[in-house]
C-alpha atoms as a PDB file:
ATOM      1  CA  MET A   1     154.212 144.088-161.272  1.00  0.00           C
ATOM      2  CA  ASP A   2     153.515 145.226-157.721  1.00  0.00           C
ATOM      3  CA  ARG A   3     150.420 143.177-156.868  1.00  0.00           C
ATOM      4  CA  ALA A   4     148.390 144.377-153.891  1.00  0.00           C
ATOM      5  CA  TYR A   5     146.796 142.059-151.366  1.00  0.00           C
ATOM      6  CA  ASN A   6     143.067 142.130-152.140  1.00  0.00           C
ATOM      7  CA  PHE A   7     140.850 141.283-149.145  1.00  0.00           C
ATOM      8  CA  SER A   8     137.583 141.876-151.005  1.00  0.00           C
ATOM      9  CA  ALA A   9     134.640 139.599-150.235  1.00  0.00           C
ATOM     10  CA  GLY A  10     133.805 139.442-153.931  1.00  0.00           C
ATOM     11  CA  PRO A  11     134.698 139.880-156.650  1.00  0.00           C
ATOM     12  CA  ALA A  12     137.654 138.458-154.805  1.00  0.00           C
ATOM     13  CA  ALA A  13     141.310 137.861-155.524  1.00  0.00           C
ATOM     14  CA  LEU A  14     142.236 135.408-158.256  1.00  0.00           C
ATOM     15  CA  PRO A  15     145.406 133.286-158.250  1.00  0.00           C
ATOM     16  CA  PRO A  16     148.210 135.119-160.122  1.00  0.00           C
ATOM     17  CA  PRO A  17     149.012 132.036-162.270  1.00  0.00           C
ATOM     18  CA  VAL A  18     145.390 132.046-163.471  1.00  0.00           C
ATOM     19  CA  LEU A  19     145.553 135.742-164.364  1.00  0.00           C
ATOM     20  CA  GLU A  20     148.890 135.301-166.101  1.00  0.00           C
ATOM     21  CA  ARG A  21     147.632 132.406-168.188  1.00  0.00           C
ATOM     22  CA  ALA A  22     144.468 134.292-169.108  1.00  0.00           C
ATOM     23  CA  GLN A  23     146.614 137.262-170.112  1.00  0.00           C
ATOM     24  CA  THR A  24     148.863 135.094-172.273  1.00  0.00           C
ATOM     25  CA  GLU A  25     145.909 133.461-174.011  1.00  0.00           C
ATOM     26  CA  LEU A  26     143.729 136.550-174.358  1.00  0.00           C
ATOM     27  CA  LEU A  27     144.417 137.274-178.035  1.00  0.00           C
ATOM     28  CA  ASP A  28     145.133 133.750-179.231  1.00  0.00           C
ATOM     29  CA  TRP A  29     143.483 130.846-177.404  1.00  0.00           C
ATOM     30  CA  GLN A  30     144.932 127.439-178.248  1.00  0.00           C
ATOM     31  CA  GLY A  31     146.313 128.656-181.562  1.00  0.00           C
ATOM     32  CA  SER A  32     142.884 129.623-182.853  1.00  0.00           C
ATOM     33  CA  GLY A  33     143.910 133.195-183.650  1.00  0.00           C
ATOM     34  CA  MET A  34     140.929 134.315-181.533  1.00  0.00           C
ATOM     35  CA  SER A  35     140.167 134.997-177.912  1.00  0.00           C
ATOM     36  CA  VAL A  36     138.205 132.368-176.010  1.00  0.00           C
ATOM     37  CA  MET A  37     135.528 135.093-175.825  1.00  0.00           C
ATOM     38  CA  GLU A  38     135.193 134.935-179.614  1.00  0.00           C
ATOM     39  CA  VAL A  39     134.986 131.197-180.281  1.00  0.00           C
ATOM     40  CA  SER A  40     131.695 129.329-180.546  1.00  0.00           C
ATOM     41  CA  HIS A  41     130.486 127.745-177.314  1.00  0.00           C
ATOM     42  CA  ARG A  42     129.238 124.868-179.458  1.00  0.00           C
ATOM     43  CA  GLY A  43     132.582 124.278-181.131  1.00  0.00           C
ATOM     44  CA  PRO A  44     134.759 121.290-180.199  1.00  0.00           C
ATOM     45  CA  ASP A  45     137.458 123.365-178.481  1.00  0.00           C
ATOM     46  CA  PHE A  46     135.116 125.096-176.049  1.00  0.00           C
ATOM     47  CA  ARG A  47     133.205 121.896-175.413  1.00  0.00           C
ATOM     48  CA  ALA A  48     136.492 120.233-174.490  1.00  0.00           C
ATOM     49  CA  LEU A  49     137.197 123.036-172.022  1.00  0.00           C
ATOM     50  CA  ALA A  50     133.717 122.649-170.498  1.00  0.00           C
ATOM     51  CA  GLU A  51     134.182 118.895-170.151  1.00  0.00           C
ATOM     52  CA  ARG A  52     137.592 119.399-168.517  1.00  0.00           C
ATOM     53  CA  ALA A  53     136.125 121.851-166.038  1.00  0.00           C
ATOM     54  CA  GLU A  54     133.371 119.423-165.042  1.00  0.00           C
ATOM     55  CA  ALA A  55     135.758 116.487-164.780  1.00  0.00           C
ATOM     56  CA  ASN A  56     138.145 118.452-162.566  1.00  0.00           C
ATOM     57  CA  LEU A  57     135.319 119.696-160.376  1.00  0.00           C
ATOM     58  CA  ARG A  58     133.913 116.209-159.952  1.00  0.00           C
ATOM     59  CA  GLU A  59     137.350 114.914-159.001  1.00  0.00           C
ATOM     60  CA  LEU A  60     138.137 117.755-156.587  1.00  0.00           C
ATOM     61  CA  LEU A  61     134.834 117.459-154.716  1.00  0.00           C
ATOM     62  CA  ASP A  62     134.340 113.718-155.244  1.00  0.00           C
ATOM     63  CA  VAL A  63     130.905 114.368-156.732  1.00  0.00           C
ATOM     64  CA  PRO A  64     128.806 111.166-156.838  1.00  0.00           C
ATOM     65  CA  GLU A  65     127.594 109.892-160.207  1.00  0.00           C
ATOM     66  CA  ASN A  66     123.938 110.585-159.363  1.00  0.00           C
ATOM     67  CA  TYR A  67     124.520 114.338-159.322  1.00  0.00           C
ATOM     68  CA  ARG A  68     124.453 116.746-162.245  1.00  0.00           C
ATOM     69  CA  VAL A  69     126.939 119.602-162.491  1.00  0.00           C
ATOM     70  CA  LEU A  70     125.613 122.779-164.092  1.00  0.00           C
ATOM     71  CA  PHE A  71     127.358 126.021-165.047  1.00  0.00           C
ATOM     72  CA  LEU A  72     124.699 128.727-165.174  1.00  0.00           C
ATOM     73  CA  ALA A  73     124.651 132.416-165.982  1.00  0.00           C
ATOM     74  CA  GLY A  74     123.989 134.949-163.260  1.00  0.00           C
ATOM     75  CA  GLY A  75     125.124 134.990-159.673  1.00  0.00           C
ATOM     76  CA  ALA A  76     124.013 132.962-156.695  1.00  0.00           C
ATOM     77  CA  THR A  77     121.328 135.577-156.041  1.00  0.00           C
ATOM     78  CA  LEU A  78     119.479 134.415-159.158  1.00  0.00           C
ATOM     79  CA  GLN A  79     119.227 130.986-157.529  1.00  0.00           C
ATOM     80  CA  PHE A  80     117.250 132.498-154.643  1.00  0.00           C
ATOM     81  CA  ALA A  81     114.341 132.518-157.112  1.00  0.00           C
ATOM     82  CA  SER A  82     115.408 129.558-159.258  1.00  0.00           C
ATOM     83  CA  ILE A  83     115.459 127.069-156.381  1.00  0.00           C
ATOM     84  CA  PRO A  84     111.808 127.447-155.321  1.00  0.00           C
ATOM     85  CA  LEU A  85     110.749 127.453-158.982  1.00  0.00           C
ATOM     86  CA  ASN A  86     112.600 124.178-159.568  1.00  0.00           C
ATOM     87  CA  LEU A  87     112.027 122.389-156.274  1.00  0.00           C
ATOM     88  CA  GLY A  88     108.813 123.792-154.779  1.00  0.00           C
ATOM     89  CA  PRO A  89     105.344 123.268-156.243  1.00  0.00           C
ATOM     90  CA  PRO A  90     102.999 126.271-155.922  1.00  0.00           C
ATOM     91  CA  TRP A  91     101.885 126.854-152.333  1.00  0.00           C
ATOM     92  CA  SER A  92     104.290 124.286-150.955  1.00  0.00           C
ATOM     93  CA  THR A  93     106.462 125.096-147.934  1.00  0.00           C
ATOM     94  CA  ALA A  94     110.251 125.252-147.648  1.00  0.00           C
ATOM     95  CA  ASP A  95     112.353 125.587-144.505  1.00  0.00           C
ATOM     96  CA  TYR A  96     114.959 128.371-144.345  1.00  0.00           C
ATOM     97  CA  VAL A  97     117.629 129.074-141.735  1.00  0.00           C
ATOM     98  CA  VAL A  98     118.722 132.714-141.456  1.00  0.00           C
ATOM     99  CA  THR A  99     122.174 133.369-140.036  1.00  0.00           C
ATOM    100  CA  GLY A 100     122.990 136.578-141.864  1.00  0.00           C
ATOM    101  CA  ASN A 101     122.430 138.886-144.792  1.00  0.00           C
ATOM    102  CA  TRP A 102     122.339 136.287-147.552  1.00  0.00           C
ATOM    103  CA  GLY A 103     119.999 133.942-145.730  1.00  0.00           C
ATOM    104  CA  ARG A 104     117.631 136.853-145.218  1.00  0.00           C
ATOM    105  CA  LYS A 105     117.751 137.750-148.931  1.00  0.00           C
ATOM    106  CA  ALA A 106     117.146 134.124-149.907  1.00  0.00           C
ATOM    107  CA  VAL A 107     113.996 134.112-147.735  1.00  0.00           C
ATOM    108  CA  SER A 108     112.744 137.361-149.232  1.00  0.00           C
ATOM    109  CA  GLU A 109     113.033 136.053-152.780  1.00  0.00           C
ATOM    110  CA  ALA A 110     111.689 132.562-152.080  1.00  0.00           C
ATOM    111  CA  ALA A 111     108.591 134.035-150.439  1.00  0.00           C
ATOM    112  CA  ARG A 112     107.467 135.231-153.884  1.00  0.00           C
ATOM    113  CA  TYR A 113     106.989 131.634-155.006  1.00  0.00           C
ATOM    114  CA  LEU A 114     106.104 129.463-152.008  1.00  0.00           C
ATOM    115  CA  ASN A 115     105.450 129.513-148.286  1.00  0.00           C
ATOM    116  CA  VAL A 116     108.626 130.073-146.299  1.00  0.00           C
ATOM    117  CA  ASN A 117     109.009 128.624-142.837  1.00  0.00           C
ATOM    118  CA  VAL A 118     111.910 130.327-141.050  1.00  0.00           C
ATOM    119  CA  ALA A 119     113.169 127.383-139.039  1.00  0.00           C
ATOM    120  CA  ALA A 120     115.795 129.453-137.204  1.00  0.00           C
ATOM    121  CA  ASP A 121     116.925 133.079-137.195  1.00  0.00           C
ATOM    122  CA  THR A 122     119.874 134.541-135.272  1.00  0.00           C
ATOM    123  CA  GLU A 123     119.193 138.237-135.861  1.00  0.00           C
ATOM    124  CA  SER A 124     118.632 138.697-132.122  1.00  0.00           C
ATOM    125  CA  THR A 125     122.302 137.868-131.541  1.00  0.00           C
ATOM    126  CA  GLY A 126     123.448 140.316-134.202  1.00  0.00           C
ATOM    127  CA  PHE A 127     124.189 137.299-136.426  1.00  0.00           C
ATOM    128  CA  THR A 128     127.150 136.318-134.251  1.00  0.00           C
ATOM    129  CA  THR A 129     126.127 132.723-133.532  1.00  0.00           C
ATOM    130  CA  ILE A 130     124.947 129.541-135.263  1.00  0.00           C
ATOM    131  CA  PRO A 131     121.688 128.133-133.881  1.00  0.00           C
ATOM    132  CA  ASP A 132     121.777 124.618-132.449  1.00  0.00           C
ATOM    133  CA  PRO A 133     120.101 122.444-135.117  1.00  0.00           C
ATOM    134  CA  ALA A 134     118.227 120.646-132.346  1.00  0.00           C
ATOM    135  CA  THR A 135     116.259 123.873-131.816  1.00  0.00           C
ATOM    136  CA  TRP A 136     115.253 124.394-135.452  1.00  0.00           C
ATOM    137  CA  SER A 137     111.523 124.399-136.135  1.00  0.00           C
ATOM    138  CA  VAL A 138     111.502 122.342-139.329  1.00  0.00           C
ATOM    139  CA  ARG A 139     108.315 121.096-140.949  1.00  0.00           C
ATOM    140  CA  ASP A 140     107.571 117.519-141.908  1.00  0.00           C
ATOM    141  CA  ASP A 141     106.073 118.644-145.217  1.00  0.00           C
ATOM    142  CA  ALA A 142     108.937 120.951-146.288  1.00  0.00           C
ATOM    143  CA  CYS A 143     110.043 120.451-149.895  1.00  0.00           C
ATOM    144  CA  TYR A 144     113.639 121.407-148.958  1.00  0.00           C
ATOM    145  CA  LEU A 145     115.739 122.953-146.186  1.00  0.00           C
ATOM    146  CA  HIS A 146     117.929 125.913-147.193  1.00  0.00           C
ATOM    147  CA  TYR A 147     120.868 127.340-145.286  1.00  0.00           C
ATOM    148  CA  THR A 148     124.011 129.391-145.899  1.00  0.00           C
ATOM    149  CA  PRO A 149     127.109 127.546-144.612  1.00  0.00           C
ATOM    150  CA  ASN A 150     129.189 130.748-144.579  1.00  0.00           C
ATOM    151  CA  GLU A 151     127.763 134.254-144.234  1.00  0.00           C
ATOM    152  CA  THR A 152     130.246 136.674-145.757  1.00  0.00           C
ATOM    153  CA  VAL A 153     128.881 139.844-144.140  1.00  0.00           C
ATOM    154  CA  TYR A 154     128.882 138.872-140.465  1.00  0.00           C
ATOM    155  CA  GLY A 155     131.536 136.152-140.608  1.00  0.00           C
ATOM    156  CA  VAL A 156     129.675 133.167-139.164  1.00  0.00           C
ATOM    157  CA  GLU A 157     130.178 129.678-140.526  1.00  0.00           C
ATOM    158  CA  PHE A 158     128.779 126.198-140.009  1.00  0.00           C
ATOM    159  CA  HIS A 159     131.616 123.773-139.322  1.00  0.00           C
ATOM    160  CA  THR A 160     129.358 120.714-139.516  1.00  0.00           C
ATOM    161  CA  ILE A 161     126.528 119.766-141.856  1.00  0.00           C
ATOM    162  CA  PRO A 162     123.117 119.993-140.135  1.00  0.00           C
ATOM    163  CA  ASP A 163     121.102 116.779-139.971  1.00  0.00           C
ATOM    164  CA  VAL A 164     117.631 117.729-138.770  1.00  0.00           C
ATOM    165  CA  SER A 165     115.246 116.959-141.609  1.00  0.00           C
ATOM    166  CA  ASP A 166     114.413 114.383-144.262  1.00  0.00           C
ATOM    167  CA  ALA A 167     113.884 117.193-146.772  1.00  0.00           C
ATOM    168  CA  PRO A 168     116.643 117.738-149.362  1.00  0.00           C
ATOM    169  CA  LEU A 169     119.354 119.991-147.953  1.00  0.00           C
ATOM    170  CA  VAL A 170     120.056 123.046-150.117  1.00  0.00           C
ATOM    171  CA  ALA A 171     123.164 125.148-149.469  1.00  0.00           C
ATOM    172  CA  ASP A 172     124.482 128.466-150.738  1.00  0.00           C
ATOM    173  CA  MET A 173     128.171 127.574-150.762  1.00  0.00           C
ATOM    174  CA  SER A 174     129.425 130.645-152.585  1.00  0.00           C
ATOM    175  CA  SER A 175     132.038 131.310-149.888  1.00  0.00           C
ATOM    176  CA  THR A 176     132.700 127.711-148.873  1.00  0.00           C
ATOM    177  CA  VAL A 177     133.034 125.655-152.034  1.00  0.00           C
ATOM    178  CA  MET A 178     136.590 124.523-152.811  1.00  0.00           C
ATOM    179  CA  SER A 179     137.919 125.837-149.496  1.00  0.00           C
ATOM    180  CA  ARG A 180     137.853 122.345-147.919  1.00  0.00           C
ATOM    181  CA  PRO A 181     136.460 118.860-148.611  1.00  0.00           C
ATOM    182  CA  ILE A 182     132.643 118.635-148.734  1.00  0.00           C
ATOM    183  CA  ASP A 183     130.487 115.517-148.490  1.00  0.00           C
ATOM    184  CA  VAL A 184     128.333 116.270-151.520  1.00  0.00           C
ATOM    185  CA  SER A 185     126.168 113.211-150.888  1.00  0.00           C
ATOM    186  CA  ARG A 186     124.663 114.941-147.831  1.00  0.00           C
ATOM    187  CA  PHE A 187     123.055 117.601-150.023  1.00  0.00           C
ATOM    188  CA  GLY A 188     120.219 117.733-152.484  1.00  0.00           C
ATOM    189  CA  LEU A 189     121.578 120.876-154.114  1.00  0.00           C
ATOM    190  CA  ILE A 190     124.696 123.012-153.737  1.00  0.00           C
ATOM    191  CA  TYR A 191     125.049 126.346-155.502  1.00  0.00           C
ATOM    192  CA  ALA A 192     127.852 128.886-155.544  1.00  0.00           C
ATOM    193  CA  GLY A 193     128.631 132.146-157.263  1.00  0.00           C
ATOM    194  CA  ALA A 194     132.088 131.935-158.805  1.00  0.00           C
ATOM    195  CA  GLN A 195     133.552 135.238-157.647  1.00  0.00           C
ATOM    196  CA  LYS A 196     134.973 134.072-154.316  1.00  0.00           C
ATOM    197  CA  ASN A 197     136.783 130.746-154.692  1.00  0.00           C
ATOM    198  CA  LEU A 198     135.968 129.718-158.255  1.00  0.00           C
ATOM    199  CA  GLY A 199     136.699 132.553-160.649  1.00  0.00           C
ATOM    200  CA  ALA A 200     135.058 135.652-162.062  1.00  0.00           C
ATOM    201  CA  ALA A 201     131.600 137.064-161.370  1.00  0.00           C
ATOM    202  CA  GLY A 202     128.946 136.079-163.889  1.00  0.00           C
ATOM    203  CA  ILE A 203     128.753 132.298-163.649  1.00  0.00           C
ATOM    204  CA  THR A 204     127.266 130.059-160.971  1.00  0.00           C
ATOM    205  CA  LEU A 205     128.024 126.455-160.131  1.00  0.00           C
ATOM    206  CA  LEU A 206     125.179 124.061-159.340  1.00  0.00           C
ATOM    207  CA  ILE A 207     125.529 120.500-158.124  1.00  0.00           C
ATOM    208  CA  VAL A 208     122.086 118.913-158.007  1.00  0.00           C
ATOM    209  CA  ARG A 209     120.965 115.374-157.257  1.00  0.00           C
ATOM    210  CA  ASP A 210     119.324 113.571-160.171  1.00  0.00           C
ATOM    211  CA  ASP A 211     115.974 113.060-158.455  1.00  0.00           C
ATOM    212  CA  LEU A 212     115.584 116.832-157.994  1.00  0.00           C
ATOM    213  CA  VAL A 213     116.024 117.554-161.705  1.00  0.00           C
ATOM    214  CA  GLY A 214     112.821 117.719-163.721  1.00  0.00           C
ATOM    215  CA  ARG A 215     110.526 119.183-161.055  1.00  0.00           C
ATOM    216  CA  ALA A 216     110.411 122.744-162.387  1.00  0.00           C
ATOM    217  CA  ARG A 217     107.082 124.521-162.571  1.00  0.00           C
ATOM    218  CA  GLN A 218     105.662 125.177-165.998  1.00  0.00           C
ATOM    219  CA  GLU A 219     106.300 128.923-165.664  1.00  0.00           C
ATOM    220  CA  THR A 220     110.009 128.482-164.839  1.00  0.00           C
ATOM    221  CA  PRO A 221     112.165 130.387-167.372  1.00  0.00           C
ATOM    222  CA  GLY A 222     114.251 128.080-169.525  1.00  0.00           C
ATOM    223  CA  VAL A 223     117.562 129.684-168.539  1.00  0.00           C
ATOM    224  CA  VAL A 224     117.022 128.573-164.916  1.00  0.00           C
ATOM    225  CA  ASN A 225     115.199 125.297-165.590  1.00  0.00           C
ATOM    226  CA  TYR A 226     117.518 122.620-164.239  1.00  0.00           C
ATOM    227  CA  ARG A 227     116.215 119.923-166.594  1.00  0.00           C
ATOM    228  CA  LEU A 228     116.720 122.003-169.721  1.00  0.00           C
ATOM    229  CA  MET A 229     120.155 123.118-168.621  1.00  0.00           C
ATOM    230  CA  ALA A 230     121.257 119.630-167.563  1.00  0.00           C
ATOM    231  CA  ASP A 231     120.103 118.017-170.814  1.00  0.00           C
ATOM    232  CA  SER A 232     121.930 120.666-172.866  1.00  0.00           C
ATOM    233  CA  GLY A 233     125.233 120.527-170.995  1.00  0.00           C
ATOM    234  CA  SER A 234     124.508 124.002-169.553  1.00  0.00           C
ATOM    235  CA  MET A 235     124.292 125.337-173.120  1.00  0.00           C
ATOM    236  CA  TRP A 236     120.543 125.714-173.653  1.00  0.00           C
ATOM    237  CA  ASN A 237     121.418 129.348-174.317  1.00  0.00           C
ATOM    238  CA  THR A 238     124.760 131.072-174.897  1.00  0.00           C
ATOM    239  CA  PRO A 239     126.668 130.693-171.620  1.00  0.00           C
ATOM    240  CA  PRO A 240     129.095 133.221-170.090  1.00  0.00           C
ATOM    241  CA  THR A 241     132.003 131.654-171.934  1.00  0.00           C
ATOM    242  CA  TYR A 242     134.841 133.777-170.538  1.00  0.00           C
ATOM    243  CA  CYS A 243     133.723 133.223-166.954  1.00  0.00           C
ATOM    244  CA  TRP A 244     133.509 129.484-167.664  1.00  0.00           C
ATOM    245  CA  TYR A 245     137.030 129.599-169.090  1.00  0.00           C
ATOM    246  CA  VAL A 246     138.377 131.396-165.990  1.00  0.00           C
ATOM    247  CA  MET A 247     136.690 128.833-163.742  1.00  0.00           C
ATOM    248  CA  ALA A 248     138.348 126.062-165.733  1.00  0.00           C
ATOM    249  CA  LEU A 249     141.741 127.713-165.121  1.00  0.00           C
ATOM    250  CA  VAL A 250     141.005 128.038-161.399  1.00  0.00           C
ATOM    251  CA  LEU A 251     140.080 124.351-161.212  1.00  0.00           C
ATOM    252  CA  ASP A 252     143.351 123.475-162.962  1.00  0.00           C
ATOM    253  CA  TRP A 253     145.184 125.614-160.391  1.00  0.00           C
ATOM    254  CA  LEU A 254     143.386 123.940-157.484  1.00  0.00           C
ATOM    255  CA  ARG A 255     144.495 120.530-158.697  1.00  0.00           C
ATOM    256  CA  GLU A 256     148.068 121.791-158.914  1.00  0.00           C
ATOM    257  CA  GLN A 257     147.875 123.016-155.298  1.00  0.00           C
ATOM    258  CA  GLY A 258     146.960 119.549-154.060  1.00  0.00           C
ATOM    259  CA  GLY A 259     143.186 119.802-154.138  1.00  0.00           C
ATOM    260  CA  VAL A 260     140.674 120.791-151.499  1.00  0.00           C
ATOM    261  CA  ALA A 261     142.386 118.950-148.650  1.00  0.00           C
ATOM    262  CA  ALA A 262     145.510 121.046-149.176  1.00  0.00           C
ATOM    263  CA  MET A 263     143.384 124.188-149.436  1.00  0.00           C
ATOM    264  CA  ALA A 264     141.723 123.351-146.121  1.00  0.00           C
ATOM    265  CA  GLU A 265     145.093 123.266-144.368  1.00  0.00           C
ATOM    266  CA  HIS A 266     146.091 126.515-146.076  1.00  0.00           C
ATOM    267  CA  ASN A 267     142.843 128.275-145.155  1.00  0.00           C
ATOM    268  CA  GLU A 268     142.683 127.072-141.565  1.00  0.00           C
ATOM    269  CA  ARG A 269     146.247 128.243-140.982  1.00  0.00           C
ATOM    270  CA  LYS A 270     145.531 131.714-142.394  1.00  0.00           C
ATOM    271  CA  ALA A 271     142.386 132.112-140.311  1.00  0.00           C
ATOM    272  CA  ARG A 272     144.136 130.944-137.135  1.00  0.00           C
ATOM    273  CA  LYS A 273     146.848 133.577-137.587  1.00  0.00           C
ATOM    274  CA  LEU A 274     144.403 136.423-138.129  1.00  0.00           C
ATOM    275  CA  TYR A 275     142.095 135.500-135.257  1.00  0.00           C
ATOM    276  CA  ALA A 276     145.103 135.131-132.950  1.00  0.00           C
ATOM    277  CA  ALA A 277     146.168 138.687-133.797  1.00  0.00           C
ATOM    278  CA  ILE A 278     142.687 139.990-133.071  1.00  0.00           C
ATOM    279  CA  ASP A 279     142.172 138.039-129.853  1.00  0.00           C
ATOM    280  CA  GLY A 280     145.625 138.928-128.569  1.00  0.00           C
ATOM    281  CA  SER A 281     144.863 142.632-128.722  1.00  0.00           C
ATOM    282  CA  ASP A 282     142.684 145.030-126.736  1.00  0.00           C
ATOM    283  CA  PHE A 283     142.624 147.315-129.768  1.00  0.00           C
ATOM    284  CA  TYR A 284     140.834 144.910-132.141  1.00  0.00           C
ATOM    285  CA  ALA A 285     137.804 142.698-131.571  1.00  0.00           C
ATOM    286  CA  ASN A 286     135.796 140.068-133.419  1.00  0.00           C
ATOM    287  CA  PRO A 287     132.152 139.736-132.316  1.00  0.00           C
ATOM    288  CA  VAL A 288     131.505 136.201-133.561  1.00  0.00           C
ATOM    289  CA  ASP A 289     131.241 133.277-131.166  1.00  0.00           C
ATOM    290  CA  LYS A 290     134.473 131.306-131.413  1.00  0.00           C
ATOM    291  CA  SER A 291     132.618 128.089-132.196  1.00  0.00           C
ATOM    292  CA  CYS A 292     131.348 129.435-135.517  1.00  0.00           C
ATOM    293  CA  ARG A 293     133.953 131.865-136.793  1.00  0.00           C
ATOM    294  CA  SER A 294     134.408 131.878-140.548  1.00  0.00           C
ATOM    295  CA  TRP A 295     137.648 130.738-142.164  1.00  0.00           C
ATOM    296  CA  MET A 296     136.841 132.846-145.198  1.00  0.00           C
ATOM    297  CA  ASN A 297     135.547 136.193-143.909  1.00  0.00           C
ATOM    298  CA  VAL A 298     136.978 137.760-140.758  1.00  0.00           C
ATOM    299  CA  PRO A 299     135.178 140.885-139.525  1.00  0.00           C
ATOM    300  CA  PHE A 300     136.800 142.995-136.827  1.00  0.00           C
ATOM    301  CA  THR A 301     136.331 146.343-135.149  1.00  0.00           C
ATOM    302  CA  LEU A 302     138.680 148.930-133.704  1.00  0.00           C
ATOM    303  CA  ALA A 303     138.349 150.014-130.075  1.00  0.00           C
ATOM    304  CA  ASP A 304     138.023 153.601-131.304  1.00  0.00           C
ATOM    305  CA  PRO A 305     135.714 153.728-134.378  1.00  0.00           C
ATOM    306  CA  THR A 306     136.901 157.261-135.168  1.00  0.00           C
ATOM    307  CA  LEU A 307     140.126 155.617-136.356  1.00  0.00           C
ATOM    308  CA  ASP A 308     138.379 153.439-138.939  1.00  0.00           C
ATOM    309  CA  GLN A 309     139.071 155.690-141.909  1.00  0.00           C
ATOM    310  CA  ALA A 310     142.695 156.228-140.911  1.00  0.00           C
ATOM    311  CA  PHE A 311     143.106 152.453-140.663  1.00  0.00           C
ATOM    312  CA  LEU A 312     141.657 151.972-144.149  1.00  0.00           C
ATOM    313  CA  ASP A 313     143.700 154.788-145.667  1.00  0.00           C
ATOM    314  CA  GLU A 314     146.982 153.591-144.183  1.00  0.00           C
ATOM    315  CA  ALA A 315     146.210 149.980-145.062  1.00  0.00           C
ATOM    316  CA  ALA A 316     145.571 150.983-148.672  1.00  0.00           C
ATOM    317  CA  ALA A 317     148.879 152.864-148.722  1.00  0.00           C
ATOM    318  CA  ALA A 318     150.503 149.619-147.580  1.00  0.00           C
ATOM    319  CA  ARG A 319     148.787 147.805-150.515  1.00  0.00           C
ATOM    320  CA  LEU A 320     146.283 146.041-148.241  1.00  0.00           C
ATOM    321  CA  LEU A 321     143.034 146.703-150.075  1.00  0.00           C
ATOM    322  CA  ASN A 322     139.272 146.335-149.607  1.00  0.00           C
ATOM    323  CA  LEU A 323     139.250 145.925-145.839  1.00  0.00           C
ATOM    324  CA  LYS A 324     136.143 148.014-145.224  1.00  0.00           C
ATOM    325  CA  GLY A 325     133.298 146.034-143.668  1.00  0.00           C
ATOM    326  CA  HIS A 326     129.987 145.514-145.426  1.00  0.00           C
ATOM    327  CA  ARG A 327     127.701 148.525-145.278  1.00  0.00           C
ATOM    328  CA  VAL A 328     125.178 146.750-143.004  1.00  0.00           C
ATOM    329  CA  ALA A 329     127.826 145.623-140.515  1.00  0.00           C
ATOM    330  CA  GLY A 330     130.451 148.374-140.489  1.00  0.00           C
ATOM    331  CA  GLY A 331     133.954 147.962-139.109  1.00  0.00           C
ATOM    332  CA  MET A 332     136.519 145.980-141.053  1.00  0.00           C
ATOM    333  CA  ARG A 333     136.423 142.685-142.895  1.00  0.00           C
ATOM    334  CA  ALA A 334     139.268 140.630-144.295  1.00  0.00           C
ATOM    335  CA  SER A 335     138.169 137.989-146.803  1.00  0.00           C
ATOM    336  CA  ILE A 336     140.887 135.365-147.115  1.00  0.00           C
ATOM    337  CA  TYR A 337     139.681 132.962-149.767  1.00  0.00           C
ATOM    338  CA  ASN A 338     141.808 130.323-151.485  1.00  0.00           C
ATOM    339  CA  ALA A 339     143.733 132.810-153.632  1.00  0.00           C
ATOM    340  CA  MET A 340     144.871 134.905-150.666  1.00  0.00           C
ATOM    341  CA  PRO A 341     148.431 133.745-149.914  1.00  0.00           C
ATOM    342  CA  GLU A 342     149.588 133.303-146.359  1.00  0.00           C
ATOM    343  CA  SER A 343     152.015 136.166-146.947  1.00  0.00           C
ATOM    344  CA  GLY A 344     148.991 138.456-147.373  1.00  0.00           C
ATOM    345  CA  VAL A 345     147.665 137.527-143.944  1.00  0.00           C
ATOM    346  CA  ASP A 346     151.150 137.973-142.485  1.00  0.00           C
ATOM    347  CA  ALA A 347     151.325 141.452-144.008  1.00  0.00           C
ATOM    348  CA  LEU A 348     147.917 142.370-142.581  1.00  0.00           C
ATOM    349  CA  VAL A 349     148.804 141.080-139.104  1.00  0.00           C
ATOM    350  CA  ASP A 350     152.058 143.070-139.147  1.00  0.00           C
ATOM    351  CA  PHE A 351     150.214 146.205-140.258  1.00  0.00           C
ATOM    352  CA  MET A 352     147.571 145.786-137.548  1.00  0.00           C
ATOM    353  CA  ALA A 353     150.252 145.505-134.864  1.00  0.00           C
ATOM    354  CA  GLU A 354     152.109 148.537-136.195  1.00  0.00           C
ATOM    355  CA  PHE A 355     148.920 150.625-136.438  1.00  0.00           C
ATOM    356  CA  GLU A 356     147.961 149.694-132.885  1.00  0.00           C
ATOM    357  CA  ALA A 357     151.406 150.636-131.591  1.00  0.00           C
ATOM    358  CA  ARG A 358     151.027 154.122-133.072  1.00  0.00           C
ATOM    359  CA  ARG A 359     147.341 154.749-132.424  1.00  0.00           C
ATOM    360  CA  ALA A 360     146.323 152.947-129.248  1.00  0.00           C
END
């Protein structure tokens, strides 16, 4: 099969071995004569899969024992509302840092349930920088501090963990998780939609510290109540079983690749190659400050925007897909998550050089 290189920001590329195994097992999972989509989530076989997924995740990220791992339905966007409902009493205040599109959306949703203090906002820079944590206007009474380590739309990324508040640190790691080692103990809560580095859209990973479980407001729906979900092994209701299964396969694959330390080397090398191609050209440009460029999402523009569509059309013909930038940012964007092989970045760099030679 002639697989294309998929640079989509999400749903993103999946590792071919994961897709091949899922294909092989689609009609008959573990000799059951049924698909994994057809077996009971409460049966011993699926429970064993769920336990394997959690064990692998805990090992890969070195999750401390005083943290609960949850596998919840819905995307990370659902957590924009779930977090204040679980962590913020009515009329309490939470700190939020806005460095892009997803931070802004998190603020908008949280404001329905509590008072939001925007501790920092980089819109004035076009979301091309990370604000110095020393300048953040955090509040002493904040119930948590929320930030987005990697903003997929504008391509900015925190390369260190901020340490500016005693409030629990909450992070939307949808684009970061599993791409490198993470010190989980620095966070109160980590959440991540699966469709970038973890699997298929429809399931969300939560890693939450024990002392933050059990604080949900009375009106919090059961399906997003962290205590109910933790006590039921994430099976208070019927979970998205196929998405959970795919995540389990991805976690198996990550272990086979050498874990998150090996992925960090792989991802840093890919990003370095692509940024070098952009910076070494007068035809392409990346607007993000070099100190906070994303490893995962690389936006770039062409010197002549009238060539954008030709670039996309010719790239697609070369089997380099989904390079169009997000609708609010324009230009191009190459998302190079874990499953993007280095050969895909090499192919894109070669195409960019060839297109420039013909069109500049």
